[in-house]
Amino acid sequence: MPAWLTFALLAVAAAAVVVRVASALRRRGQRGGRLAPVDVALVALGVLGLVLHCTAMFRRGLLAPLPGGSAYVDLVTTPGFGTVALYVVPAALVLIGLRRVGALPWVLLASALVAVGVTMYGGSPLAVHLTAITAAVLALSALIALRTPVLPGGRPRPRAA
């Protein structure tokens, strides 16, 4: 994966979170559904798993020096059940954690994640796979930025009379 694409994806994700935090601060007193802590944990674990999977595929040298890193990289890069499971499980965790965000955004994200898997394991050209990854990162970033509250619970403040 080209370095510019990696940095562009990170910048988009970071910008989405900044926009979401800023909008949450602006609308702090409004009611809105909140993700349960378990949902946040599922999404975080899933995203971490997906990042590790992509890192093992495209930046092997970053994981190899870590304890167990070489074994993980080998498992991810060797065709078979292990690499598929190490992609499907984190993707499923993300989708389970975001199940309350609305049907359409959830289906769009699920479709993007399926496209990543199909292009990864279906023998698609690298450019097509990278495009699918970009679409999935953009879908996840947009969904988090636009549909999920990021500030912890608390009750809305009553308006002064």
N, C-alpha and C. Protein backbone atom coordinates (compact mmCIF):
# COMPACT_ATOMS: atom_id res chain seq x y z
N MET A 1 0.86 -1.17 0.00
CA MET A 1 0.00 0.00 0.00
C MET A 1 0.90 1.22 0.00
N PRO A 2 0.65 2.15 -0.91
CA PRO A 2 1.50 3.34 -0.95
C PRO A 2 1.37 4.14 0.35
N ALA A 3 2.47 4.75 0.74
CA ALA A 3 2.48 5.51 1.99
C ALA A 3 1.47 6.65 1.95
N TRP A 4 1.30 7.31 0.81
CA TRP A 4 0.36 8.42 0.74
C TRP A 4 -1.07 7.95 1.00
N LEU A 5 -1.41 6.75 0.55
CA LEU A 5 -2.76 6.24 0.79
C LEU A 5 -2.95 5.92 2.27
N THR A 6 -1.94 5.36 2.89
CA THR A 6 -2.01 5.09 4.32
C THR A 6 -2.24 6.37 5.10
N PHE A 7 -1.47 7.40 4.80
CA PHE A 7 -1.62 8.67 5.50
C PHE A 7 -2.94 9.34 5.17
N ALA A 8 -3.41 9.23 3.95
CA ALA A 8 -4.70 9.81 3.58
C ALA A 8 -5.83 9.14 4.34
N LEU A 9 -5.77 7.83 4.46
CA LEU A 9 -6.82 7.12 5.21
C LEU A 9 -6.79 7.50 6.68
N LEU A 10 -5.61 7.60 7.25
CA LEU A 10 -5.50 8.02 8.65
C LEU A 10 -6.01 9.45 8.84
N ALA A 11 -5.70 10.33 7.88
CA ALA A 11 -6.15 11.72 7.97
C ALA A 11 -7.67 11.82 7.89
N VAL A 12 -8.28 11.04 7.01
CA VAL A 12 -9.74 11.06 6.89
C VAL A 12 -10.38 10.57 8.18
N ALA A 13 -9.87 9.47 8.72
CA ALA A 13 -10.42 8.94 9.97
C ALA A 13 -10.26 9.94 11.10
N ALA A 14 -9.10 10.55 11.22
CA ALA A 14 -8.86 11.53 12.28
C ALA A 14 -9.76 12.76 12.10
N ALA A 15 -9.91 13.22 10.87
CA ALA A 15 -10.77 14.37 10.61
C ALA A 15 -12.22 14.05 10.98
N ALA A 16 -12.67 12.85 10.69
CA ALA A 16 -14.04 12.47 11.02
C ALA A 16 -14.27 12.50 12.52
N VAL A 17 -13.31 12.01 13.27
CA VAL A 17 -13.45 12.02 14.74
C VAL A 17 -13.44 13.45 15.26
N VAL A 18 -12.57 14.31 14.73
CA VAL A 18 -12.51 15.70 15.17
C VAL A 18 -13.83 16.40 14.87
N VAL A 19 -14.37 16.19 13.67
CA VAL A 19 -15.65 16.80 13.32
C VAL A 19 -16.74 16.31 14.26
N ARG A 20 -16.73 15.03 14.56
CA ARG A 20 -17.77 14.48 15.43
C ARG A 20 -17.66 15.02 16.84
N VAL A 21 -16.47 15.11 17.38
CA VAL A 21 -16.29 15.65 18.72
C VAL A 21 -16.73 17.11 18.75
N ALA A 22 -16.34 17.88 17.74
CA ALA A 22 -16.72 19.29 17.69
C ALA A 22 -18.24 19.45 17.62
N SER A 23 -18.90 18.64 16.81
CA SER A 23 -20.35 18.75 16.70
C SER A 23 -21.03 18.28 17.98
N ALA A 24 -20.46 17.29 18.64
CA ALA A 24 -21.03 16.82 19.91
C ALA A 24 -20.90 17.89 20.98
N LEU A 25 -19.77 18.57 21.00
CA LEU A 25 -19.59 19.64 21.97
C LEU A 25 -20.58 20.78 21.72
N ARG A 26 -20.83 21.07 20.45
CA ARG A 26 -21.75 22.14 20.09
C ARG A 26 -23.18 21.79 20.49
N ARG A 27 -23.56 20.54 20.38
CA ARG A 27 -24.93 20.11 20.67
C ARG A 27 -25.00 19.35 21.99
N ARG A 28 -24.19 19.71 22.91
CA ARG A 28 -24.03 18.94 24.14
C ARG A 28 -25.34 18.73 24.90
N GLY A 29 -26.22 19.70 24.91
CA GLY A 29 -27.44 19.58 25.68
C GLY A 29 -28.55 18.83 24.98
N GLN A 30 -28.37 18.44 23.73
CA GLN A 30 -29.43 17.75 23.01
C GLN A 30 -29.44 16.27 23.35
N ARG A 31 -30.62 15.70 23.27
CA ARG A 31 -30.73 14.25 23.49
C ARG A 31 -30.24 13.52 22.25
N GLY A 32 -29.72 12.35 22.49
CA GLY A 32 -29.28 11.52 21.38
C GLY A 32 -28.94 10.15 21.91
N GLY A 33 -29.12 9.14 21.09
CA GLY A 33 -28.79 7.80 21.52
C GLY A 33 -27.30 7.67 21.74
N ARG A 34 -26.93 6.93 22.72
CA ARG A 34 -25.52 6.73 23.00
C ARG A 34 -25.19 5.26 22.81
N LEU A 35 -23.99 5.02 22.36
CA LEU A 35 -23.54 3.63 22.26
C LEU A 35 -23.23 3.13 23.66
N ALA A 36 -23.63 1.94 23.92
CA ALA A 36 -23.31 1.33 25.20
C ALA A 36 -21.80 1.07 25.26
N PRO A 37 -21.23 1.07 26.45
CA PRO A 37 -19.79 0.82 26.56
C PRO A 37 -19.36 -0.49 25.89
N VAL A 38 -20.20 -1.52 25.94
CA VAL A 38 -19.84 -2.78 25.30
C VAL A 38 -19.78 -2.60 23.78
N ASP A 39 -20.67 -1.77 23.23
CA ASP A 39 -20.63 -1.52 21.79
C ASP A 39 -19.37 -0.78 21.38
N VAL A 40 -18.99 0.21 22.18
CA VAL A 40 -17.75 0.95 21.92
C VAL A 40 -16.56 -0.01 21.97
N ALA A 41 -16.55 -0.90 22.97
CA ALA A 41 -15.46 -1.86 23.09
C ALA A 41 -15.42 -2.80 21.89
N LEU A 42 -16.58 -3.27 21.43
CA LEU A 42 -16.62 -4.15 20.26
C LEU A 42 -16.07 -3.45 19.02
N VAL A 43 -16.49 -2.21 18.81
CA VAL A 43 -16.00 -1.46 17.65
C VAL A 43 -14.50 -1.24 17.76
N ALA A 44 -14.03 -0.85 18.94
CA ALA A 44 -12.59 -0.62 19.12
C ALA A 44 -11.78 -1.89 18.88
N LEU A 45 -12.23 -3.01 19.43
CA LEU A 45 -11.52 -4.28 19.20
C LEU A 45 -11.55 -4.68 17.73
N GLY A 46 -12.69 -4.49 17.10
CA GLY A 46 -12.80 -4.82 15.68
C GLY A 46 -11.89 -3.96 14.82
N VAL A 47 -11.89 -2.67 15.08
CA VAL A 47 -11.02 -1.77 14.30
C VAL A 47 -9.56 -2.13 14.53
N LEU A 48 -9.19 -2.41 15.79
CA LEU A 48 -7.82 -2.82 16.08
C LEU A 48 -7.46 -4.09 15.30
N GLY A 49 -8.36 -5.06 15.28
CA GLY A 49 -8.12 -6.29 14.53
C GLY A 49 -7.96 -6.04 13.04
N LEU A 50 -8.78 -5.15 12.49
CA LEU A 50 -8.66 -4.83 11.06
C LEU A 50 -7.37 -4.09 10.75
N VAL A 51 -6.98 -3.19 11.64
CA VAL A 51 -5.72 -2.47 11.45
C VAL A 51 -4.54 -3.44 11.52
N LEU A 52 -4.58 -4.36 12.47
CA LEU A 52 -3.50 -5.36 12.57
C LEU A 52 -3.46 -6.24 11.33
N HIS A 53 -4.61 -6.61 10.82
CA HIS A 53 -4.67 -7.44 9.61
C HIS A 53 -4.04 -6.71 8.43
N CYS A 54 -4.44 -5.45 8.23
CA CYS A 54 -3.87 -4.67 7.12
C CYS A 54 -2.38 -4.43 7.32
N THR A 55 -1.97 -4.19 8.56
CA THR A 55 -0.56 -4.00 8.84
C THR A 55 0.22 -5.26 8.51
N ALA A 56 -0.31 -6.42 8.88
CA ALA A 56 0.37 -7.68 8.58
C ALA A 56 0.47 -7.91 7.08
N MET A 57 -0.54 -7.49 6.33
CA MET A 57 -0.54 -7.68 4.88
C MET A 57 0.41 -6.71 4.17
N PHE A 58 0.36 -5.43 4.58
CA PHE A 58 1.05 -4.40 3.81
C PHE A 58 2.31 -3.85 4.46
N ARG A 59 2.45 -3.96 5.76
CA ARG A 59 3.62 -3.44 6.48
C ARG A 59 4.13 -4.50 7.45
N ARG A 60 4.50 -5.63 6.92
CA ARG A 60 4.92 -6.77 7.74
C ARG A 60 6.03 -6.43 8.72
N GLY A 61 6.94 -5.58 8.30
CA GLY A 61 8.08 -5.23 9.14
C GLY A 61 7.70 -4.53 10.43
N LEU A 62 6.52 -3.93 10.49
CA LEU A 62 6.10 -3.26 11.71
C LEU A 62 5.69 -4.24 12.80
N LEU A 63 5.12 -5.38 12.40
CA LEU A 63 4.65 -6.36 13.38
C LEU A 63 5.67 -7.45 13.70
N ALA A 64 6.50 -7.77 12.74
CA ALA A 64 7.43 -8.90 12.91
C ALA A 64 8.30 -8.79 14.15
N PRO A 65 8.83 -7.62 14.53
CA PRO A 65 9.69 -7.55 15.71
C PRO A 65 8.95 -7.73 17.04
N LEU A 66 7.64 -7.57 17.05
CA LEU A 66 6.87 -7.70 18.30
C LEU A 66 6.77 -9.16 18.72
N PRO A 67 6.60 -9.41 20.02
CA PRO A 67 6.42 -10.80 20.47
C PRO A 67 5.18 -11.42 19.80
N GLY A 68 5.37 -12.53 19.14
CA GLY A 68 4.29 -13.20 18.43
C GLY A 68 3.96 -12.56 17.10
N GLY A 69 4.64 -11.48 16.77
CA GLY A 69 4.34 -10.74 15.54
C GLY A 69 4.61 -11.55 14.29
N SER A 70 5.73 -12.26 14.25
CA SER A 70 6.06 -13.06 13.07
C SER A 70 5.04 -14.16 12.84
N ALA A 71 4.60 -14.80 13.91
CA ALA A 71 3.59 -15.85 13.78
C ALA A 71 2.27 -15.28 13.29
N TYR A 72 1.91 -14.11 13.79
CA TYR A 72 0.67 -13.45 13.35
C TYR A 72 0.76 -13.08 11.86
N VAL A 73 1.88 -12.50 11.47
CA VAL A 73 2.07 -12.13 10.06
C VAL A 73 1.99 -13.37 9.18
N ASP A 74 2.63 -14.45 9.59
CA ASP A 74 2.57 -15.69 8.82
C ASP A 74 1.14 -16.20 8.69
N LEU A 75 0.39 -16.14 9.77
CA LEU A 75 -0.99 -16.61 9.74
C LEU A 75 -1.84 -15.76 8.81
N VAL A 76 -1.64 -14.45 8.84
CA VAL A 76 -2.42 -13.54 8.00
C VAL A 76 -2.03 -13.69 6.53
N THR A 77 -0.76 -13.86 6.25
CA THR A 77 -0.31 -13.88 4.86
C THR A 77 -0.37 -15.25 4.20
N THR A 78 -0.63 -16.29 4.98
CA THR A 78 -0.74 -17.63 4.42
C THR A 78 -2.20 -17.91 4.08
N PRO A 79 -2.48 -18.26 2.83
CA PRO A 79 -3.88 -18.55 2.47
C PRO A 79 -4.44 -19.67 3.33
N GLY A 80 -5.70 -19.52 3.72
CA GLY A 80 -6.36 -20.55 4.51
C GLY A 80 -7.35 -19.97 5.48
N PHE A 81 -7.84 -20.83 6.37
CA PHE A 81 -8.87 -20.44 7.31
C PHE A 81 -8.40 -19.34 8.26
N GLY A 82 -7.15 -19.40 8.71
CA GLY A 82 -6.64 -18.44 9.69
C GLY A 82 -6.73 -17.01 9.21
N THR A 83 -6.28 -16.75 8.01
CA THR A 83 -6.31 -15.38 7.51
C THR A 83 -7.73 -14.89 7.31
N VAL A 84 -8.62 -15.77 6.86
CA VAL A 84 -10.02 -15.37 6.67
C VAL A 84 -10.64 -15.06 8.03
N ALA A 85 -10.41 -15.91 9.02
CA ALA A 85 -10.96 -15.68 10.36
C ALA A 85 -10.42 -14.39 10.97
N LEU A 86 -9.15 -14.11 10.73
CA LEU A 86 -8.55 -12.90 11.29
C LEU A 86 -9.05 -11.63 10.60
N TYR A 87 -9.75 -11.78 9.49
CA TYR A 87 -10.43 -10.64 8.87
C TYR A 87 -11.91 -10.61 9.25
N VAL A 88 -12.57 -11.74 9.15
CA VAL A 88 -14.02 -11.80 9.36
C VAL A 88 -14.41 -11.48 10.80
N VAL A 89 -13.68 -12.00 11.77
CA VAL A 89 -14.04 -11.77 13.17
C VAL A 89 -13.97 -10.28 13.53
N PRO A 90 -12.88 -9.56 13.23
CA PRO A 90 -12.88 -8.13 13.55
C PRO A 90 -13.95 -7.35 12.78
N ALA A 91 -14.16 -7.69 11.52
CA ALA A 91 -15.20 -7.00 10.75
C ALA A 91 -16.57 -7.23 11.39
N ALA A 92 -16.83 -8.45 11.83
CA ALA A 92 -18.09 -8.75 12.50
C ALA A 92 -18.22 -8.00 13.82
N LEU A 93 -17.14 -7.87 14.57
CA LEU A 93 -17.18 -7.11 15.82
C LEU A 93 -17.57 -5.66 15.57
N VAL A 94 -17.00 -5.07 14.51
CA VAL A 94 -17.35 -3.69 14.16
C VAL A 94 -18.84 -3.59 13.85
N LEU A 95 -19.33 -4.51 13.03
CA LEU A 95 -20.74 -4.47 12.64
C LEU A 95 -21.67 -4.73 13.83
N ILE A 96 -21.29 -5.63 14.70
CA ILE A 96 -22.11 -5.89 15.89
C ILE A 96 -22.14 -4.66 16.79
N GLY A 97 -20.99 -4.04 16.98
CA GLY A 97 -20.92 -2.85 17.83
C GLY A 97 -21.70 -1.67 17.28
N LEU A 98 -21.85 -1.60 15.96
CA LEU A 98 -22.55 -0.47 15.34
C LEU A 98 -23.97 -0.84 14.89
N ARG A 99 -24.52 -1.90 15.43
CA ARG A 99 -25.82 -2.39 14.98
C ARG A 99 -26.96 -1.40 15.22
N ARG A 100 -26.79 -0.43 16.08
CA ARG A 100 -27.87 0.51 16.41
C ARG A 100 -27.80 1.83 15.67
N VAL A 101 -26.94 1.95 14.69
CA VAL A 101 -26.75 3.24 14.04
C VAL A 101 -27.76 3.53 12.93
N GLY A 102 -28.53 2.57 12.56
CA GLY A 102 -29.50 2.75 11.48
C GLY A 102 -29.23 1.73 10.38
N ALA A 103 -30.30 1.31 9.73
CA ALA A 103 -30.18 0.22 8.76
C ALA A 103 -29.33 0.61 7.55
N LEU A 104 -29.60 1.75 6.94
CA LEU A 104 -28.89 2.10 5.70
C LEU A 104 -27.39 2.30 5.93
N PRO A 105 -26.97 3.09 6.92
CA PRO A 105 -25.52 3.23 7.13
C PRO A 105 -24.86 1.90 7.47
N TRP A 106 -25.56 1.07 8.25
CA TRP A 106 -25.01 -0.22 8.63
C TRP A 106 -24.84 -1.11 7.41
N VAL A 107 -25.82 -1.15 6.52
CA VAL A 107 -25.74 -1.98 5.31
C VAL A 107 -24.63 -1.47 4.39
N LEU A 108 -24.47 -0.15 4.29
CA LEU A 108 -23.40 0.39 3.46
C LEU A 108 -22.03 -0.01 4.00
N LEU A 109 -21.86 0.08 5.32
CA LEU A 109 -20.59 -0.33 5.93
C LEU A 109 -20.37 -1.82 5.74
N ALA A 110 -21.40 -2.61 5.98
CA ALA A 110 -21.28 -4.07 5.81
C ALA A 110 -20.90 -4.40 4.37
N SER A 111 -21.51 -3.71 3.41
CA SER A 111 -21.19 -3.95 2.00
C SER A 111 -19.73 -3.62 1.70
N ALA A 112 -19.26 -2.52 2.28
CA ALA A 112 -17.86 -2.13 2.06
C ALA A 112 -16.91 -3.16 2.66
N LEU A 113 -17.24 -3.66 3.85
CA LEU A 113 -16.38 -4.67 4.48
C LEU A 113 -16.41 -5.99 3.70
N VAL A 114 -17.57 -6.35 3.18
CA VAL A 114 -17.66 -7.55 2.34
C VAL A 114 -16.82 -7.36 1.07
N ALA A 115 -16.88 -6.17 0.49
CA ALA A 115 -16.09 -5.89 -0.72
C ALA A 115 -14.59 -6.04 -0.43
N VAL A 116 -14.16 -5.60 0.74
CA VAL A 116 -12.75 -5.76 1.10
C VAL A 116 -12.41 -7.25 1.15
N GLY A 117 -13.24 -8.04 1.80
CA GLY A 117 -12.98 -9.48 1.90
C GLY A 117 -12.99 -10.16 0.55
N VAL A 118 -13.96 -9.82 -0.27
CA VAL A 118 -14.06 -10.45 -1.60
C VAL A 118 -12.86 -10.10 -2.46
N THR A 119 -12.45 -8.83 -2.43
CA THR A 119 -11.30 -8.44 -3.25
C THR A 119 -10.00 -8.99 -2.70
N MET A 120 -9.96 -9.23 -1.38
CA MET A 120 -8.75 -9.77 -0.77
C MET A 120 -8.59 -11.25 -1.10
N TYR A 121 -9.66 -12.00 -0.96
CA TYR A 121 -9.56 -13.46 -1.10
C TYR A 121 -10.05 -13.97 -2.44
N GLY A 122 -10.59 -13.10 -3.27
CA GLY A 122 -11.11 -13.52 -4.57
C GLY A 122 -10.15 -13.33 -5.72
N GLY A 123 -8.93 -12.92 -5.43
CA GLY A 123 -7.94 -12.79 -6.49
C GLY A 123 -8.05 -11.51 -7.30
N SER A 124 -8.62 -10.46 -6.73
CA SER A 124 -8.73 -9.19 -7.44
C SER A 124 -7.37 -8.50 -7.52
N PRO A 125 -7.21 -7.63 -8.50
CA PRO A 125 -5.97 -6.85 -8.57
C PRO A 125 -5.82 -5.98 -7.32
N LEU A 126 -4.58 -5.67 -6.98
CA LEU A 126 -4.29 -4.90 -5.77
C LEU A 126 -5.00 -3.55 -5.79
N ALA A 127 -5.04 -2.90 -6.94
CA ALA A 127 -5.68 -1.58 -7.02
C ALA A 127 -7.16 -1.67 -6.65
N VAL A 128 -7.83 -2.73 -7.05
CA VAL A 128 -9.24 -2.91 -6.71
C VAL A 128 -9.39 -3.14 -5.21
N HIS A 129 -8.51 -3.95 -4.65
CA HIS A 129 -8.54 -4.21 -3.21
C HIS A 129 -8.28 -2.93 -2.42
N LEU A 130 -7.32 -2.13 -2.84
CA LEU A 130 -7.03 -0.87 -2.15
C LEU A 130 -8.21 0.09 -2.24
N THR A 131 -8.90 0.07 -3.37
CA THR A 131 -10.09 0.90 -3.52
C THR A 131 -11.18 0.45 -2.55
N ALA A 132 -11.34 -0.86 -2.39
CA ALA A 132 -12.32 -1.38 -1.44
C ALA A 132 -11.95 -1.01 -0.02
N ILE A 133 -10.68 -1.09 0.32
CA ILE A 133 -10.23 -0.69 1.66
C ILE A 133 -10.54 0.79 1.89
N THR A 134 -10.24 1.62 0.89
CA THR A 134 -10.52 3.05 1.00
C THR A 134 -12.01 3.30 1.23
N ALA A 135 -12.85 2.60 0.47
CA ALA A 135 -14.30 2.76 0.64
C ALA A 135 -14.74 2.34 2.04
N ALA A 136 -14.18 1.26 2.55
CA ALA A 136 -14.55 0.79 3.89
C ALA A 136 -14.10 1.77 4.97
N VAL A 137 -12.90 2.30 4.84
CA VAL A 137 -12.41 3.28 5.82
C VAL A 137 -13.27 4.54 5.77
N LEU A 138 -13.60 4.99 4.57
CA LEU A 138 -14.44 6.18 4.45
C LEU A 138 -15.84 5.92 5.01
N ALA A 139 -16.40 4.75 4.74
CA ALA A 139 -17.73 4.42 5.26
C ALA A 139 -17.72 4.36 6.78
N LEU A 140 -16.71 3.70 7.34
CA LEU A 140 -16.62 3.61 8.81
C LEU A 140 -16.40 4.98 9.43
N SER A 141 -15.51 5.76 8.85
CA SER A 141 -15.23 7.10 9.38
C SER A 141 -16.47 7.98 9.31
N ALA A 142 -17.17 7.95 8.18
CA ALA A 142 -18.38 8.76 8.03
C ALA A 142 -19.46 8.31 9.00
N LEU A 143 -19.62 7.02 9.15
CA LEU A 143 -20.63 6.49 10.05
C LEU A 143 -20.34 6.92 11.49
N ILE A 144 -19.09 6.80 11.89
CA ILE A 144 -18.72 7.21 13.25
C ILE A 144 -18.88 8.72 13.41
N ALA A 145 -18.46 9.46 12.41
CA ALA A 145 -18.52 10.92 12.50
C ALA A 145 -19.94 11.45 12.49
N LEU A 146 -20.81 10.82 11.72
CA LEU A 146 -22.13 11.39 11.53
C LEU A 146 -23.24 10.73 12.36
N ARG A 147 -23.04 9.49 12.77
CA ARG A 147 -24.15 8.76 13.38
C ARG A 147 -23.95 8.33 14.82
N THR A 148 -22.76 8.43 15.35
CA THR A 148 -22.55 7.93 16.71
C THR A 148 -22.06 9.04 17.62
N PRO A 149 -22.65 9.14 18.80
CA PRO A 149 -22.16 10.12 19.76
C PRO A 149 -20.84 9.65 20.36
N VAL A 150 -19.96 10.58 20.64
CA VAL A 150 -18.66 10.19 21.18
C VAL A 150 -18.47 10.65 22.62
N LEU A 151 -19.28 11.57 23.07
CA LEU A 151 -19.11 12.03 24.44
C LEU A 151 -19.78 11.06 25.38
N PRO A 152 -19.20 10.83 26.55
CA PRO A 152 -19.80 9.89 27.49
C PRO A 152 -21.15 10.38 27.97
N GLY A 153 -21.94 9.43 28.49
CA GLY A 153 -23.31 9.65 28.97
C GLY A 153 -23.57 10.98 29.64
N GLY A 154 -24.42 10.97 30.59
CA GLY A 154 -24.82 12.21 31.21
C GLY A 154 -26.19 12.60 30.69
N ARG A 155 -26.86 13.38 31.46
CA ARG A 155 -28.20 13.81 31.06
C ARG A 155 -28.11 15.20 30.49
N PRO A 156 -29.00 15.52 29.55
CA PRO A 156 -29.03 16.89 29.03
C PRO A 156 -29.34 17.87 30.16
N ARG A 157 -28.72 19.01 30.10
CA ARG A 157 -28.98 20.03 31.11
C ARG A 157 -30.35 20.65 30.86
N PRO A 158 -31.12 20.90 31.90
CA PRO A 158 -32.42 21.55 31.70
C PRO A 158 -32.19 22.99 31.25
N ARG A 159 -33.07 23.44 30.40
CA ARG A 159 -32.97 24.82 29.92
C ARG A 159 -33.47 25.78 31.00
N ALA A 160 -32.80 26.90 31.08
CA ALA A 160 -33.22 27.92 32.06
C ALA A 160 -34.56 28.51 31.63
N ALA A 161 -35.41 28.78 32.60
CA ALA A 161 -36.74 29.31 32.29
C ALA A 161 -36.71 30.79 32.08
